[in-house]
Amino acid sequence: INNIKKANLVDSGLPEYDFMSSTQLDWAEQFENSARKAGSSILRKEEVSFLDGEKIINLSKEISRQSSDLQHVKSPYELTDIDVLILDGEIGVAENAAIWVTSRNWPFRVLPFITEHLVICIKKDKIVGNMHDAYELIGASDYDFGVFIAGPSKTADIEQSLVIGAQGAMSLRIVWID
């Protein structure tokens, strides 16, 4: 501790950070680039397809796809076999491709984390430049649970082995809604 006290450190101040300008015209293009870097797929609504036999839960108002019924489910423990979950995103962030989703229309908060594959629909006009802009829009919105999701679940251990889907969905497909 004495050596630290003796050190003549000069206060260099905080680093300058140039936040992405909120006036950029094409946030959607930046969002797409960020999403691909994070390991997500970007699709147009007409490109969305699913395999027969998959257990699909569709909670999106944007995709017309038959869904497994959740009305009979009383506990999230009954949902261990979801192949695909389709949700609507509320806000997308261009700088990191994070999508804000809330549980307003979900019966269980755990849904986006226990599905094998996650599909989130987002309108292009709901893309903002950075997290500051996103939090400004979220403000005091009425929701009981919300989370930003960016890319499929990934983790790497001490040996630098990348594991996809360890703590959430193995894939994230983002569907543009015009």
Protein backbone atom coordinates (compact mmCIF):
# COMPACT_ATOMS: atom_id res chain seq x y z
CA ILE A 1 0.00 0.00 0.00
CA ASN A 2 2.84 2.38 0.77
CA ASN A 3 4.28 1.87 -2.73
CA ILE A 4 0.95 2.82 -4.24
CA LYS A 5 0.79 5.94 -2.10
CA LYS A 6 4.34 6.91 -3.21
CA ALA A 7 3.56 6.50 -6.90
CA ASN A 8 3.14 9.81 -8.70
CA LEU A 9 0.16 8.97 -10.85
CA VAL A 10 -1.24 11.66 -13.05
CA ASP A 11 -5.00 11.83 -13.38
CA SER A 12 -5.61 11.39 -17.08
CA GLY A 13 -9.38 11.77 -16.86
CA LEU A 14 -11.95 9.54 -18.44
CA PRO A 15 -11.50 8.46 -22.06
CA GLU A 16 -13.57 10.19 -24.68
CA TYR A 17 -16.19 7.99 -26.25
CA ASP A 18 -17.90 8.94 -29.46
CA PHE A 19 -21.42 7.57 -29.14
CA MET A 20 -22.98 6.59 -32.44
CA SER A 21 -24.80 9.60 -33.72
CA SER A 22 -28.55 9.34 -33.33
CA THR A 23 -28.89 11.02 -36.70
CA GLN A 24 -27.50 8.10 -38.71
CA LEU A 25 -29.97 7.27 -41.45
CA ASP A 26 -29.61 3.50 -41.81
CA TRP A 27 -29.67 1.91 -38.39
CA ALA A 28 -31.07 -1.28 -39.92
CA GLU A 29 -27.89 -1.89 -41.93
CA GLN A 30 -25.71 -1.34 -38.85
CA PHE A 31 -28.02 -3.63 -36.86
CA GLU A 32 -27.66 -6.38 -39.49
CA ASN A 33 -23.86 -6.12 -39.42
CA SER A 34 -23.81 -6.29 -35.63
CA ALA A 35 -26.25 -9.23 -35.60
CA ARG A 36 -24.18 -11.27 -38.03
CA LYS A 37 -21.04 -10.61 -35.97
CA ALA A 38 -22.91 -11.90 -32.91
CA GLY A 39 -23.85 -15.12 -34.74
CA SER A 40 -27.47 -14.35 -35.59
CA SER A 41 -29.24 -14.92 -38.90
CA ILE A 42 -31.26 -12.14 -40.52
CA LEU A 43 -34.34 -13.12 -42.50
CA ARG A 44 -37.14 -11.37 -44.28
CA LYS A 45 -40.65 -12.38 -43.29
CA GLU A 46 -41.18 -14.35 -46.52
CA GLU A 47 -37.98 -16.36 -45.89
CA VAL A 48 -39.14 -17.82 -42.59
CA SER A 49 -39.65 -21.57 -42.70
CA PHE A 50 -39.71 -24.36 -40.16
CA LEU A 51 -39.38 -28.11 -40.32
CA ASP A 52 -42.43 -30.29 -39.82
CA GLY A 53 -42.46 -32.05 -36.49
CA GLU A 54 -40.72 -29.25 -34.62
CA LYS A 55 -42.44 -28.15 -31.43
CA ILE A 56 -43.03 -24.49 -32.18
CA ILE A 57 -44.46 -21.90 -29.84
CA ASN A 58 -45.48 -18.80 -31.75
CA LEU A 59 -46.19 -15.77 -29.60
CA SER A 60 -45.61 -13.29 -32.43
CA LYS A 61 -48.35 -11.17 -33.93
CA GLU A 62 -46.24 -10.87 -37.09
CA ILE A 63 -45.78 -14.50 -38.14
CA SER A 64 -48.80 -16.58 -39.04
CA ARG A 65 -47.66 -20.03 -38.02
CA GLN A 66 -49.53 -22.69 -36.14
CA SER A 67 -48.22 -23.09 -32.65
CA SER A 68 -48.17 -25.61 -29.84
CA ASP A 69 -50.86 -24.73 -27.34
CA LEU A 70 -49.68 -23.29 -24.02
CA GLN A 71 -53.10 -23.03 -22.39
CA HIS A 72 -52.81 -26.45 -20.78
CA VAL A 73 -49.29 -25.79 -19.44
CA LYS A 74 -49.36 -25.04 -15.72
CA SER A 75 -45.62 -24.95 -15.02
CA PRO A 76 -42.52 -23.99 -17.03
CA TYR A 77 -41.08 -27.39 -16.07
CA GLU A 78 -43.46 -28.86 -18.65
CA LEU A 79 -41.70 -26.90 -21.43
CA THR A 80 -38.39 -28.73 -21.68
CA ASP A 81 -38.88 -29.77 -25.29
CA ILE A 82 -39.46 -26.50 -27.19
CA ASP A 83 -37.69 -26.55 -30.56
CA VAL A 84 -38.57 -23.04 -31.75
CA LEU A 85 -39.97 -20.00 -29.96
CA ILE A 86 -41.16 -17.01 -31.98
CA LEU A 87 -41.45 -13.64 -30.23
CA ASP A 88 -41.89 -9.99 -31.15
CA GLY A 89 -39.09 -7.61 -30.22
CA GLU A 90 -39.91 -4.09 -29.11
CA ILE A 91 -36.62 -2.23 -29.69
CA GLY A 92 -33.45 -3.20 -31.56
CA VAL A 93 -30.05 -1.61 -30.92
CA ALA A 94 -27.78 -1.01 -33.92
CA GLU A 95 -24.47 -0.90 -32.02
CA ASN A 96 -24.75 -4.47 -30.67
CA ALA A 97 -27.87 -6.05 -32.23
CA ALA A 98 -29.52 -6.41 -28.82
CA ILE A 99 -33.29 -6.74 -28.97
CA TRP A 100 -35.52 -5.68 -26.09
CA VAL A 101 -38.26 -8.22 -25.42
CA THR A 102 -40.79 -8.23 -22.59
CA SER A 103 -42.99 -10.92 -21.14
CA ARG A 104 -46.23 -9.00 -21.78
CA ASN A 105 -47.56 -11.81 -23.98
CA TRP A 106 -45.73 -14.80 -22.50
CA PRO A 107 -47.10 -17.10 -19.86
CA PHE A 108 -43.59 -17.91 -18.51
CA ARG A 109 -40.48 -15.72 -18.32
CA VAL A 110 -38.16 -18.64 -18.99
CA LEU A 111 -39.38 -19.24 -22.56
CA PRO A 112 -36.60 -17.45 -24.52
CA PHE A 113 -33.96 -19.23 -22.45
CA ILE A 114 -35.16 -22.84 -22.69
CA THR A 115 -35.96 -23.05 -26.39
CA GLU A 116 -33.47 -24.68 -28.75
CA HIS A 117 -33.92 -21.99 -31.40
CA LEU A 118 -35.20 -18.45 -30.90
CA VAL A 119 -36.86 -16.31 -33.56
CA ILE A 120 -37.45 -12.62 -32.82
CA CYS A 121 -39.44 -10.39 -35.16
CA ILE A 122 -38.45 -6.73 -35.16
CA LYS A 123 -39.72 -3.79 -37.16
CA LYS A 124 -37.01 -1.81 -38.93
CA ASP A 125 -38.42 1.45 -37.62
CA LYS A 126 -37.87 0.21 -34.04
CA ILE A 127 -34.06 0.20 -34.42
CA VAL A 128 -32.13 2.81 -32.43
CA GLY A 129 -28.44 3.64 -32.51
CA ASN A 130 -27.20 2.70 -29.06
CA MET A 131 -28.19 1.45 -25.63
CA HIS A 132 -28.63 5.00 -24.34
CA ASP A 133 -31.34 5.60 -26.93
CA ALA A 134 -32.94 2.24 -26.13
CA TYR A 135 -33.11 2.92 -22.40
CA GLU A 136 -34.59 6.32 -23.09
CA LEU A 137 -37.41 4.64 -25.04
CA ILE A 138 -37.95 1.94 -22.43
CA GLY A 139 -38.19 4.57 -19.70
CA ALA A 140 -40.94 3.70 -17.29
CA SER A 141 -42.76 1.35 -19.66
CA ASP A 142 -45.27 -1.00 -18.13
CA TYR A 143 -43.85 -4.54 -18.14
CA ASP A 144 -43.18 -7.07 -15.45
CA PHE A 145 -40.08 -8.63 -17.06
CA GLY A 146 -37.83 -7.47 -19.88
CA VAL A 147 -34.45 -8.46 -21.25
CA PHE A 148 -32.08 -7.54 -24.07
CA ILE A 149 -31.12 -10.55 -26.20
CA ALA A 150 -28.21 -10.38 -28.63
CA GLY A 151 -27.17 -13.45 -30.58
CA PRO A 152 -27.37 -17.11 -29.63
CA SER A 153 -26.15 -18.12 -26.19
CA LYS A 154 -22.36 -18.45 -26.07
CA THR A 155 -19.78 -19.15 -23.44
CA ALA A 156 -16.09 -20.05 -23.41
CA ASP A 157 -14.26 -21.82 -20.64
CA ILE A 158 -10.74 -21.29 -19.40
CA GLU A 159 -9.37 -23.43 -22.24
CA GLN A 160 -10.93 -21.08 -24.78
CA SER A 161 -13.48 -23.67 -25.98
CA LEU A 162 -16.53 -21.92 -27.38
CA VAL A 163 -19.86 -23.57 -26.57
CA ILE A 164 -23.02 -22.41 -28.33
CA GLY A 165 -26.36 -22.84 -26.56
CA ALA A 166 -24.95 -23.59 -23.11
CA GLN A 167 -27.19 -21.13 -21.29
CA GLY A 168 -29.90 -20.39 -23.81
CA ALA A 169 -30.92 -20.79 -27.42
CA MET A 170 -28.51 -22.42 -29.87
CA SER A 171 -29.54 -20.02 -32.63
CA LEU A 172 -31.16 -16.65 -32.99
CA ARG A 173 -33.01 -15.80 -36.19
CA ILE A 174 -34.04 -12.18 -36.51
CA VAL A 175 -36.97 -11.51 -38.82
CA TRP A 176 -37.33 -8.06 -40.36
CA ILE A 177 -40.86 -6.74 -40.38
CA ASP A 178 -41.33 -3.81 -42.77
